[in-house]
Amino acid sequence: MSAYRFAAAALLFATPAMAGNKLIVPGERIAVAKSPLTVQPTSEWNRLGARRGRNAETWTIDGDSLNDLTFYGGIETGKPLFREANKRSKPLPTVGATMLVTDIPVLFENTYRIALGTATMTVGTIEPVTFAGAKGVRFTYDFVREDETLHRRGEARGAFVGGRLYLVTYEAPALHYYDRSVAAARQVAESARL
């Protein structure tokens, strides 16, 4: 299936699935991912009910397969980003007590490779930023999920605060959807506060 046809099909199926989700009202500061992390969006987003992990939350504009803004709030030492699906045969990497902000992209990439079966993944630029008032890291990434040909692009910002990892990721198909919503996602990430 071509990337364009996949994106079009995903859009058709995204709308009914979003019917039970909560609309995020622009302009309000809101706590995310069951944590003290707050953001203040300037555009409407839909908060999805499904969670990747205990301290994770996902928002979307058009449907999670078309644009996905995920918050990881205060992941503590020894815990993975995602909920473990098969801890015995496919254990996920965990946040380490001695990790530096430069280790966040590696943790994220390894998590995707194991949890999503992402064989094709590349971390691009990595640069220091201030995130949620702390010294953090911003990085870009590209990947293709297992059994798909659709190329996805993403960017993330993260920091360790009080020994816990706070991370915001945005990803979408590289064809059209990434560029369409990346400015709105960046605005939300830049508004992050603890």
N, C-alpha and C. Protein backbone atom coordinates (compact mmCIF):
# COMPACT_ATOMS: atom_id res chain seq x y z
N MET A 1 0.86 -1.17 0.00
CA MET A 1 0.00 0.00 0.00
C MET A 1 0.90 1.23 0.00
N SER A 2 0.63 2.20 -0.85
CA SER A 2 1.47 3.39 -0.91
C SER A 2 1.30 4.21 0.36
N ALA A 3 2.29 5.04 0.65
CA ALA A 3 2.24 5.86 1.86
C ALA A 3 1.04 6.80 1.82
N TYR A 4 0.73 7.36 0.64
CA TYR A 4 -0.40 8.26 0.51
C TYR A 4 -1.71 7.54 0.79
N ARG A 5 -1.88 6.35 0.19
CA ARG A 5 -3.11 5.59 0.39
C ARG A 5 -3.26 5.16 1.84
N PHE A 6 -2.12 4.81 2.48
CA PHE A 6 -2.18 4.43 3.89
C PHE A 6 -2.64 5.61 4.74
N ALA A 7 -2.07 6.78 4.49
CA ALA A 7 -2.44 7.98 5.26
C ALA A 7 -3.91 8.32 5.05
N ALA A 8 -4.40 8.20 3.82
CA ALA A 8 -5.80 8.48 3.54
C ALA A 8 -6.71 7.48 4.26
N ALA A 9 -6.33 6.20 4.24
CA ALA A 9 -7.13 5.18 4.93
C ALA A 9 -7.11 5.41 6.43
N ALA A 10 -5.97 5.77 6.97
CA ALA A 10 -5.86 6.03 8.40
C ALA A 10 -6.76 7.19 8.82
N LEU A 11 -6.84 8.22 7.98
CA LEU A 11 -7.69 9.36 8.28
C LEU A 11 -9.16 8.95 8.33
N LEU A 12 -9.58 8.09 7.42
CA LEU A 12 -10.96 7.63 7.41
C LEU A 12 -11.33 6.90 8.70
N PHE A 13 -10.40 6.10 9.21
CA PHE A 13 -10.68 5.31 10.39
C PHE A 13 -10.36 6.05 11.69
N ALA A 14 -9.65 7.16 11.63
CA ALA A 14 -9.25 7.88 12.84
C ALA A 14 -10.42 8.60 13.49
N THR A 15 -11.33 9.18 12.72
CA THR A 15 -12.40 10.00 13.25
C THR A 15 -13.34 9.24 14.18
N PRO A 16 -13.89 8.04 13.81
CA PRO A 16 -14.78 7.35 14.73
C PRO A 16 -14.08 6.93 16.02
N ALA A 17 -12.83 6.56 15.95
CA ALA A 17 -12.11 6.11 17.14
C ALA A 17 -11.91 7.25 18.13
N MET A 18 -11.88 8.47 17.64
CA MET A 18 -11.63 9.61 18.51
C MET A 18 -12.89 10.10 19.21
N ALA A 19 -14.05 9.53 18.89
CA ALA A 19 -15.32 10.02 19.41
C ALA A 19 -15.36 10.06 20.94
N GLY A 20 -14.75 9.11 21.65
CA GLY A 20 -14.81 9.07 23.10
C GLY A 20 -13.66 9.77 23.80
N ASN A 21 -12.82 10.45 23.08
CA ASN A 21 -11.66 11.10 23.67
C ASN A 21 -12.00 12.50 24.14
N LYS A 22 -11.11 13.05 24.97
CA LYS A 22 -11.36 14.37 25.54
C LYS A 22 -10.69 15.45 24.71
N LEU A 23 -11.44 16.49 24.39
CA LEU A 23 -10.91 17.63 23.66
C LEU A 23 -10.14 18.53 24.62
N ILE A 24 -8.92 18.87 24.25
CA ILE A 24 -8.10 19.79 25.04
C ILE A 24 -8.38 21.20 24.53
N VAL A 25 -8.81 22.07 25.42
CA VAL A 25 -9.17 23.44 25.06
C VAL A 25 -7.92 24.31 25.00
N PRO A 26 -7.74 25.07 23.92
CA PRO A 26 -6.57 25.94 23.82
C PRO A 26 -6.57 27.01 24.91
N GLY A 27 -5.36 27.38 25.35
CA GLY A 27 -5.20 28.46 26.30
C GLY A 27 -5.17 28.06 27.76
N GLU A 28 -5.61 26.86 28.08
CA GLU A 28 -5.61 26.41 29.48
C GLU A 28 -4.33 25.64 29.78
N ARG A 29 -3.75 25.87 30.95
CA ARG A 29 -2.59 25.08 31.40
C ARG A 29 -3.14 23.79 31.99
N ILE A 30 -2.59 22.66 31.55
CA ILE A 30 -3.13 21.37 31.93
C ILE A 30 -2.01 20.41 32.34
N ALA A 31 -2.25 19.64 33.40
CA ALA A 31 -1.29 18.62 33.84
C ALA A 31 -1.41 17.41 32.92
N VAL A 32 -0.26 16.80 32.60
CA VAL A 32 -0.25 15.67 31.67
C VAL A 32 0.47 14.47 32.28
N ALA A 33 0.12 13.30 31.78
CA ALA A 33 0.79 12.03 32.09
C ALA A 33 0.83 11.71 33.58
N LYS A 34 -0.25 12.03 34.28
CA LYS A 34 -0.33 11.75 35.72
C LYS A 34 0.91 12.22 36.45
N SER A 35 1.31 13.47 36.17
CA SER A 35 2.55 14.00 36.73
C SER A 35 2.41 15.50 36.98
N PRO A 36 3.43 16.11 37.58
CA PRO A 36 3.40 17.56 37.77
C PRO A 36 3.73 18.35 36.50
N LEU A 37 4.04 17.67 35.41
CA LEU A 37 4.33 18.34 34.14
C LEU A 37 3.06 18.97 33.59
N THR A 38 3.13 20.27 33.27
CA THR A 38 1.99 20.97 32.68
C THR A 38 2.39 21.59 31.36
N VAL A 39 1.39 21.73 30.48
CA VAL A 39 1.58 22.39 29.19
C VAL A 39 0.39 23.30 28.93
N GLN A 40 0.57 24.24 28.01
CA GLN A 40 -0.50 25.17 27.67
C GLN A 40 -0.60 25.28 26.14
N PRO A 41 -1.44 24.45 25.51
CA PRO A 41 -1.56 24.48 24.06
C PRO A 41 -2.29 25.72 23.56
N THR A 42 -1.96 26.16 22.35
CA THR A 42 -2.66 27.29 21.75
C THR A 42 -3.60 26.82 20.63
N SER A 43 -3.68 25.51 20.42
CA SER A 43 -4.61 24.95 19.44
C SER A 43 -5.28 23.72 20.06
N GLU A 44 -6.37 23.27 19.44
CA GLU A 44 -7.11 22.12 19.96
C GLU A 44 -6.37 20.82 19.68
N TRP A 45 -6.39 19.93 20.67
CA TRP A 45 -5.85 18.58 20.56
C TRP A 45 -6.88 17.64 21.17
N ASN A 46 -6.81 16.38 20.83
CA ASN A 46 -7.64 15.35 21.43
C ASN A 46 -6.78 14.47 22.32
N ARG A 47 -7.17 14.33 23.58
CA ARG A 47 -6.46 13.44 24.51
C ARG A 47 -7.02 12.04 24.32
N LEU A 48 -6.14 11.10 24.00
CA LEU A 48 -6.56 9.71 23.78
C LEU A 48 -6.64 8.97 25.10
N GLY A 49 -7.53 8.00 25.17
CA GLY A 49 -7.72 7.23 26.39
C GLY A 49 -6.64 6.18 26.62
N ALA A 50 -6.14 5.58 25.54
CA ALA A 50 -5.12 4.54 25.66
C ALA A 50 -3.78 5.14 26.06
N ARG A 51 -3.04 4.43 26.90
CA ARG A 51 -1.74 4.91 27.39
C ARG A 51 -0.66 3.88 27.06
N ARG A 52 0.52 4.38 26.65
CA ARG A 52 1.65 3.49 26.37
C ARG A 52 2.26 2.95 27.66
N GLY A 53 2.15 3.73 28.70
CA GLY A 53 2.71 3.35 29.99
C GLY A 53 1.94 4.03 31.09
N ARG A 54 2.29 3.70 32.33
CA ARG A 54 1.57 4.24 33.48
C ARG A 54 1.68 5.76 33.55
N ASN A 55 2.82 6.31 33.22
CA ASN A 55 3.03 7.75 33.27
C ASN A 55 3.18 8.32 31.86
N ALA A 56 2.30 7.91 30.96
CA ALA A 56 2.33 8.40 29.59
C ALA A 56 0.93 8.82 29.18
N GLU A 57 0.88 9.75 28.25
CA GLU A 57 -0.39 10.27 27.75
C GLU A 57 -0.17 10.71 26.31
N THR A 58 -1.15 10.45 25.44
CA THR A 58 -1.03 10.80 24.03
C THR A 58 -2.14 11.74 23.60
N TRP A 59 -1.75 12.76 22.83
CA TRP A 59 -2.68 13.68 22.20
C TRP A 59 -2.53 13.56 20.69
N THR A 60 -3.59 13.94 19.98
CA THR A 60 -3.54 13.94 18.51
C THR A 60 -4.46 15.04 17.98
N ILE A 61 -4.24 15.40 16.75
CA ILE A 61 -5.13 16.33 16.06
C ILE A 61 -6.01 15.55 15.09
N ASP A 62 -5.41 14.68 14.29
CA ASP A 62 -6.11 13.96 13.23
C ASP A 62 -6.27 12.47 13.49
N GLY A 63 -5.71 11.94 14.57
CA GLY A 63 -5.72 10.51 14.85
C GLY A 63 -4.30 10.07 15.14
N ASP A 64 -4.11 9.14 16.08
CA ASP A 64 -2.76 8.82 16.54
C ASP A 64 -1.86 8.22 15.47
N SER A 65 -2.42 7.68 14.39
CA SER A 65 -1.56 7.17 13.32
C SER A 65 -1.14 8.30 12.37
N LEU A 66 -1.75 9.48 12.52
CA LEU A 66 -1.43 10.61 11.64
C LEU A 66 -0.63 11.70 12.32
N ASN A 67 -0.82 11.91 13.60
CA ASN A 67 0.03 12.79 14.40
C ASN A 67 -0.14 12.42 15.86
N ASP A 68 0.97 12.26 16.53
CA ASP A 68 1.00 11.69 17.87
C ASP A 68 1.92 12.54 18.74
N LEU A 69 1.35 13.19 19.73
CA LEU A 69 2.11 13.97 20.70
C LEU A 69 2.01 13.22 22.02
N THR A 70 3.13 12.66 22.48
CA THR A 70 3.10 11.83 23.68
C THR A 70 3.95 12.44 24.78
N PHE A 71 3.41 12.44 25.98
CA PHE A 71 4.08 12.95 27.17
C PHE A 71 4.44 11.78 28.07
N TYR A 72 5.66 11.78 28.57
CA TYR A 72 6.11 10.79 29.56
C TYR A 72 6.44 11.60 30.81
N GLY A 73 5.66 11.42 31.87
CA GLY A 73 5.76 12.28 33.03
C GLY A 73 6.39 11.64 34.24
N GLY A 74 7.63 11.98 34.51
CA GLY A 74 8.29 11.54 35.72
C GLY A 74 8.56 10.06 35.79
N ILE A 75 9.15 9.50 34.74
CA ILE A 75 9.49 8.08 34.73
C ILE A 75 10.65 7.88 35.70
N GLU A 76 10.45 7.07 36.69
CA GLU A 76 11.46 6.90 37.74
C GLU A 76 12.50 5.85 37.38
N THR A 77 13.60 5.88 38.12
CA THR A 77 14.70 4.94 37.91
C THR A 77 14.19 3.50 37.99
N GLY A 78 14.66 2.68 37.04
CA GLY A 78 14.27 1.28 37.00
C GLY A 78 12.99 0.99 36.24
N LYS A 79 12.32 2.03 35.73
CA LYS A 79 11.06 1.86 35.00
C LYS A 79 11.26 2.13 33.51
N PRO A 80 10.52 1.41 32.64
CA PRO A 80 10.60 1.65 31.20
C PRO A 80 9.64 2.78 30.78
N LEU A 81 9.81 3.28 29.56
CA LEU A 81 8.89 4.29 29.03
C LEU A 81 7.52 3.69 28.76
N PHE A 82 7.49 2.47 28.20
CA PHE A 82 6.24 1.80 27.83
C PHE A 82 5.88 0.74 28.86
N ARG A 83 4.64 0.33 28.84
CA ARG A 83 4.19 -0.80 29.63
C ARG A 83 4.84 -2.06 29.06
N GLU A 84 5.39 -2.89 29.91
CA GLU A 84 6.05 -4.13 29.47
C GLU A 84 5.01 -5.09 28.89
N ALA A 85 5.26 -5.57 27.67
CA ALA A 85 4.37 -6.54 27.04
C ALA A 85 4.88 -7.97 27.25
N ASN A 86 6.21 -8.14 27.22
CA ASN A 86 6.80 -9.45 27.38
C ASN A 86 8.15 -9.29 28.09
N LYS A 87 8.09 -9.15 29.38
CA LYS A 87 9.27 -8.84 30.18
C LYS A 87 10.34 -9.93 30.13
N ARG A 88 9.93 -11.17 29.98
CA ARG A 88 10.90 -12.28 29.97
C ARG A 88 11.70 -12.34 28.68
N SER A 89 11.03 -12.33 27.54
CA SER A 89 11.77 -12.51 26.28
C SER A 89 12.13 -11.20 25.59
N LYS A 90 11.42 -10.11 25.90
CA LYS A 90 11.72 -8.82 25.28
C LYS A 90 11.65 -7.71 26.34
N PRO A 91 12.57 -7.73 27.29
CA PRO A 91 12.55 -6.68 28.32
C PRO A 91 12.89 -5.32 27.72
N LEU A 92 12.18 -4.31 28.18
CA LEU A 92 12.41 -2.95 27.71
C LEU A 92 13.53 -2.29 28.52
N PRO A 93 14.29 -1.39 27.91
CA PRO A 93 15.30 -0.66 28.67
C PRO A 93 14.62 0.24 29.70
N THR A 94 15.30 0.50 30.77
CA THR A 94 14.73 1.30 31.85
C THR A 94 15.57 2.55 32.10
N VAL A 95 14.96 3.50 32.76
CA VAL A 95 15.66 4.72 33.16
C VAL A 95 16.69 4.34 34.21
N GLY A 96 17.92 4.81 34.01
CA GLY A 96 19.00 4.50 34.93
C GLY A 96 19.34 5.67 35.83
N ALA A 97 19.78 5.37 37.04
CA ALA A 97 20.10 6.41 38.02
C ALA A 97 21.26 7.31 37.58
N THR A 98 22.16 6.78 36.77
CA THR A 98 23.33 7.57 36.36
C THR A 98 23.20 8.12 34.94
N MET A 99 22.02 8.06 34.36
CA MET A 99 21.82 8.54 32.99
C MET A 99 22.01 10.05 32.90
N LEU A 100 22.54 10.47 31.76
CA LEU A 100 22.67 11.88 31.42
C LEU A 100 21.62 12.21 30.38
N VAL A 101 21.38 13.50 30.12
CA VAL A 101 20.39 13.87 29.11
C VAL A 101 20.78 13.32 27.74
N THR A 102 22.07 13.15 27.49
CA THR A 102 22.52 12.61 26.21
C THR A 102 22.18 11.13 26.06
N ASP A 103 21.79 10.47 27.15
CA ASP A 103 21.36 9.06 27.08
C ASP A 103 19.89 8.91 26.71
N ILE A 104 19.13 10.00 26.76
CA ILE A 104 17.70 9.93 26.48
C ILE A 104 17.41 9.44 25.06
N PRO A 105 18.09 9.97 24.02
CA PRO A 105 17.82 9.45 22.67
C PRO A 105 18.10 7.95 22.53
N VAL A 106 19.13 7.46 23.18
CA VAL A 106 19.47 6.03 23.11
C VAL A 106 18.39 5.19 23.80
N LEU A 107 17.95 5.62 24.97
CA LEU A 107 16.85 4.94 25.68
C LEU A 107 15.60 4.91 24.81
N PHE A 108 15.28 6.03 24.20
CA PHE A 108 14.10 6.13 23.35
C PHE A 108 14.21 5.21 22.13
N GLU A 109 15.34 5.25 21.44
CA GLU A 109 15.54 4.41 20.26
C GLU A 109 15.45 2.93 20.61
N ASN A 110 16.12 2.52 21.67
CA ASN A 110 16.09 1.11 22.08
C ASN A 110 14.69 0.67 22.49
N THR A 111 13.94 1.55 23.12
CA THR A 111 12.55 1.24 23.49
C THR A 111 11.71 1.00 22.24
N TYR A 112 11.83 1.87 21.25
CA TYR A 112 11.07 1.72 20.01
C TYR A 112 11.46 0.43 19.27
N ARG A 113 12.74 0.15 19.22
CA ARG A 113 13.19 -1.05 18.51
C ARG A 113 12.58 -2.32 19.13
N ILE A 114 12.50 -2.36 20.44
CA ILE A 114 11.97 -3.55 21.12
C ILE A 114 10.44 -3.53 21.16
N ALA A 115 9.84 -2.46 21.67
CA ALA A 115 8.39 -2.42 21.89
C ALA A 115 7.59 -2.37 20.60
N LEU A 116 8.08 -1.63 19.61
CA LEU A 116 7.33 -1.48 18.36
C LEU A 116 7.89 -2.32 17.23
N GLY A 117 8.95 -3.07 17.50
CA GLY A 117 9.56 -3.88 16.45
C GLY A 117 10.11 -3.01 15.32
N THR A 118 10.63 -1.86 15.69
CA THR A 118 11.11 -0.89 14.70
C THR A 118 12.54 -1.22 14.33
N ALA A 119 12.70 -1.91 13.21
CA ALA A 119 14.04 -2.29 12.76
C ALA A 119 14.76 -1.13 12.10
N THR A 120 14.01 -0.26 11.42
CA THR A 120 14.60 0.89 10.73
C THR A 120 14.32 2.14 11.53
N MET A 121 15.34 2.62 12.24
CA MET A 121 15.21 3.84 13.03
C MET A 121 16.53 4.57 13.04
N THR A 122 16.46 5.88 12.84
CA THR A 122 17.65 6.72 12.84
C THR A 122 17.41 7.92 13.73
N VAL A 123 18.31 8.17 14.66
CA VAL A 123 18.28 9.39 15.45
C VAL A 123 19.12 10.41 14.69
N GLY A 124 18.55 11.58 14.44
CA GLY A 124 19.23 12.62 13.67
C GLY A 124 19.96 13.61 14.56
N THR A 125 19.53 14.84 14.54
CA THR A 125 20.19 15.88 15.32
C THR A 125 19.92 15.70 16.81
N ILE A 126 20.93 15.99 17.59
CA ILE A 126 20.82 15.99 19.05
C ILE A 126 21.43 17.30 19.52
N GLU A 127 20.66 18.08 20.29
CA GLU A 127 21.17 19.37 20.75
C GLU A 127 20.65 19.70 22.14
N PRO A 128 21.41 20.48 22.89
CA PRO A 128 20.96 20.87 24.23
C PRO A 128 19.84 21.91 24.14
N VAL A 129 18.87 21.80 25.03
CA VAL A 129 17.78 22.77 25.13
C VAL A 129 17.38 22.89 26.59
N THR A 130 16.62 23.92 26.89
CA THR A 130 15.97 24.01 28.19
C THR A 130 14.58 23.41 28.00
N PHE A 131 14.27 22.42 28.81
CA PHE A 131 12.97 21.77 28.73
C PHE A 131 12.34 21.75 30.11
N ALA A 132 11.16 22.30 30.22
CA ALA A 132 10.42 22.36 31.49
C ALA A 132 11.27 23.02 32.58
N GLY A 133 12.08 23.99 32.18
CA GLY A 133 12.89 24.74 33.13
C GLY A 133 14.19 24.06 33.53
N ALA A 134 14.52 22.95 32.90
CA ALA A 134 15.74 22.20 33.25
C ALA A 134 16.63 22.04 32.02
N LYS A 135 17.90 21.71 32.27
CA LYS A 135 18.81 21.42 31.17
C LYS A 135 18.38 20.10 30.55
N GLY A 136 18.12 20.14 29.25
CA GLY A 136 17.61 18.96 28.58
C GLY A 136 18.22 18.75 27.22
N VAL A 137 17.54 17.93 26.43
CA VAL A 137 18.02 17.57 25.10
C VAL A 137 16.83 17.58 24.13
N ARG A 138 17.12 17.97 22.90
CA ARG A 138 16.15 17.89 21.81
C ARG A 138 16.78 17.01 20.75
N PHE A 139 15.99 16.07 20.21
CA PHE A 139 16.52 15.23 19.15
C PHE A 139 15.44 14.90 18.13
N THR A 140 15.88 14.62 16.91
CA THR A 140 14.98 14.24 15.84
C THR A 140 15.19 12.76 15.53
N TYR A 141 14.19 12.13 14.95
CA TYR A 141 14.32 10.72 14.59
C TYR A 141 13.41 10.39 13.42
N ASP A 142 13.76 9.34 12.72
CA ASP A 142 12.98 8.81 11.60
C ASP A 142 12.86 7.30 11.80
N PHE A 143 11.71 6.74 11.46
CA PHE A 143 11.55 5.29 11.62
C PHE A 143 10.45 4.74 10.73
N VAL A 144 10.48 3.44 10.56
CA VAL A 144 9.43 2.69 9.87
C VAL A 144 9.04 1.56 10.81
N ARG A 145 7.75 1.45 11.10
CA ARG A 145 7.28 0.38 11.99
C ARG A 145 7.33 -0.96 11.28
N GLU A 146 7.41 -2.00 12.11
CA GLU A 146 7.42 -3.37 11.58
C GLU A 146 6.17 -3.61 10.74
N ASP A 147 6.32 -4.28 9.62
CA ASP A 147 5.23 -4.63 8.70
C ASP A 147 4.57 -3.40 8.04
N GLU A 148 5.28 -2.27 7.99
CA GLU A 148 4.79 -1.07 7.31
C GLU A 148 5.88 -0.56 6.38
N THR A 149 5.46 0.25 5.43
CA THR A 149 6.43 0.93 4.56
C THR A 149 6.35 2.44 4.74
N LEU A 150 5.44 2.90 5.58
CA LEU A 150 5.24 4.32 5.81
C LEU A 150 6.38 4.90 6.63
N HIS A 151 7.06 5.89 6.09
CA HIS A 151 8.17 6.56 6.77
C HIS A 151 7.60 7.61 7.72
N ARG A 152 8.00 7.52 8.98
CA ARG A 152 7.54 8.47 9.99
C ARG A 152 8.72 9.30 10.48
N ARG A 153 8.43 10.54 10.84
CA ARG A 153 9.44 11.47 11.34
C ARG A 153 9.00 11.94 12.73
N GLY A 154 9.96 12.21 13.59
CA GLY A 154 9.62 12.68 14.92
C GLY A 154 10.66 13.58 15.52
N GLU A 155 10.28 14.23 16.59
CA GLU A 155 11.23 14.99 17.40
C GLU A 155 10.80 14.92 18.84
N ALA A 156 11.78 15.04 19.72
CA ALA A 156 11.51 14.88 21.14
C ALA A 156 12.32 15.87 21.95
N ARG A 157 11.84 16.17 23.14
CA ARG A 157 12.54 17.00 24.12
C ARG A 157 12.40 16.32 25.46
N GLY A 158 13.50 16.26 26.20
CA GLY A 158 13.44 15.60 27.48
C GLY A 158 14.47 16.14 28.46
N ALA A 159 14.24 15.84 29.73
CA ALA A 159 15.16 16.26 30.79
C ALA A 159 14.93 15.38 32.01
N PHE A 160 15.95 15.32 32.86
CA PHE A 160 15.84 14.66 34.15
C PHE A 160 15.62 15.75 35.20
N VAL A 161 14.57 15.60 35.99
CA VAL A 161 14.28 16.54 37.07
C VAL A 161 13.98 15.72 38.31
N GLY A 162 14.73 15.96 39.37
CA GLY A 162 14.52 15.21 40.60
C GLY A 162 14.71 13.71 40.42
N GLY A 163 15.62 13.32 39.52
CA GLY A 163 15.89 11.91 39.28
C GLY A 163 14.87 11.20 38.41
N ARG A 164 13.90 11.94 37.87
CA ARG A 164 12.87 11.35 37.02
C ARG A 164 12.97 11.92 35.60
N LEU A 165 12.60 11.09 34.62
CA LEU A 165 12.64 11.50 33.23
C LEU A 165 11.31 12.10 32.79
N TYR A 166 11.38 13.29 32.21
CA TYR A 166 10.24 13.95 31.59
C TYR A 166 10.56 14.08 30.11
N LEU A 167 9.64 13.65 29.25
CA LEU A 167 9.90 13.58 27.83
C LEU A 167 8.61 13.89 27.06
N VAL A 168 8.74 14.65 25.97
CA VAL A 168 7.62 14.91 25.06
C VAL A 168 8.09 14.54 23.67
N THR A 169 7.31 13.71 22.97
CA THR A 169 7.65 13.31 21.61
C THR A 169 6.50 13.68 20.67
N TYR A 170 6.87 14.03 19.45
CA TYR A 170 5.89 14.27 18.40
C TYR A 170 6.32 13.47 17.19
N GLU A 171 5.39 12.76 16.58
CA GLU A 171 5.71 12.01 15.37
C GLU A 171 4.49 11.92 14.47
N ALA A 172 4.79 11.81 13.17
CA ALA A 172 3.74 11.73 12.16
C ALA A 172 4.36 11.20 10.87
N PRO A 173 3.52 10.71 9.94
CA PRO A 173 4.07 10.32 8.65
C PRO A 173 4.83 11.50 8.02
N ALA A 174 6.01 11.20 7.48
CA ALA A 174 6.84 12.25 6.89
C ALA A 174 6.12 12.92 5.73
N LEU A 175 5.29 12.17 5.04
CA LEU A 175 4.54 12.69 3.91
C LEU A 175 3.35 13.50 4.43
N HIS A 176 3.40 14.80 4.33
CA HIS A 176 2.33 15.75 4.64
C HIS A 176 2.06 15.98 6.14
N TYR A 177 1.76 14.95 6.91
CA TYR A 177 1.27 15.15 8.27
C TYR A 177 2.31 15.69 9.24
N TYR A 178 3.57 15.31 9.08
CA TYR A 178 4.59 15.82 10.00
C TYR A 178 4.66 17.34 9.91
N ASP A 179 4.85 17.85 8.71
CA ASP A 179 4.97 19.30 8.53
C ASP A 179 3.69 20.04 8.88
N ARG A 180 2.57 19.40 8.69
CA ARG A 180 1.28 20.04 8.93
C ARG A 180 1.08 20.41 10.41
N SER A 181 1.54 19.57 11.33
CA SER A 181 1.26 19.80 12.75
C SER A 181 2.49 20.02 13.62
N VAL A 182 3.69 20.03 13.05
CA VAL A 182 4.90 20.14 13.86
C VAL A 182 4.97 21.46 14.62
N ALA A 183 4.50 22.55 14.05
CA ALA A 183 4.55 23.84 14.75
C ALA A 183 3.66 23.82 16.00
N ALA A 184 2.48 23.22 15.90
CA ALA A 184 1.58 23.11 17.06
C ALA A 184 2.19 22.24 18.14
N ALA A 185 2.85 21.15 17.72
CA ALA A 185 3.50 20.25 18.69
C ALA A 185 4.67 20.95 19.38
N ARG A 186 5.46 21.69 18.62
CA ARG A 186 6.59 22.42 19.22
C ARG A 186 6.11 23.44 20.23
N GLN A 187 5.01 24.11 19.91
CA GLN A 187 4.46 25.11 20.84
C GLN A 187 4.10 24.46 22.16
N VAL A 188 3.47 23.28 22.11
CA VAL A 188 3.08 22.58 23.34
C VAL A 188 4.34 22.19 24.12
N ALA A 189 5.34 21.63 23.44
CA ALA A 189 6.58 21.21 24.11
C ALA A 189 7.29 22.40 24.75
N GLU A 190 7.31 23.52 24.06
CA GLU A 190 7.97 24.72 24.60
C GLU A 190 7.24 25.31 25.79
N SER A 191 5.95 25.00 25.93
CA SER A 191 5.17 25.52 27.06
C SER A 191 5.30 24.65 28.31
N ALA A 192 6.03 23.54 28.23
CA ALA A 192 6.12 22.60 29.35
C ALA A 192 6.75 23.24 30.59
N ARG A 193 6.14 22.98 31.74
CA ARG A 193 6.60 23.51 33.03
C ARG A 193 6.46 22.44 34.11
N LEU A 194 7.32 22.54 35.10
CA LEU A 194 7.22 21.66 36.27
C LEU A 194 7.06 22.51 37.52
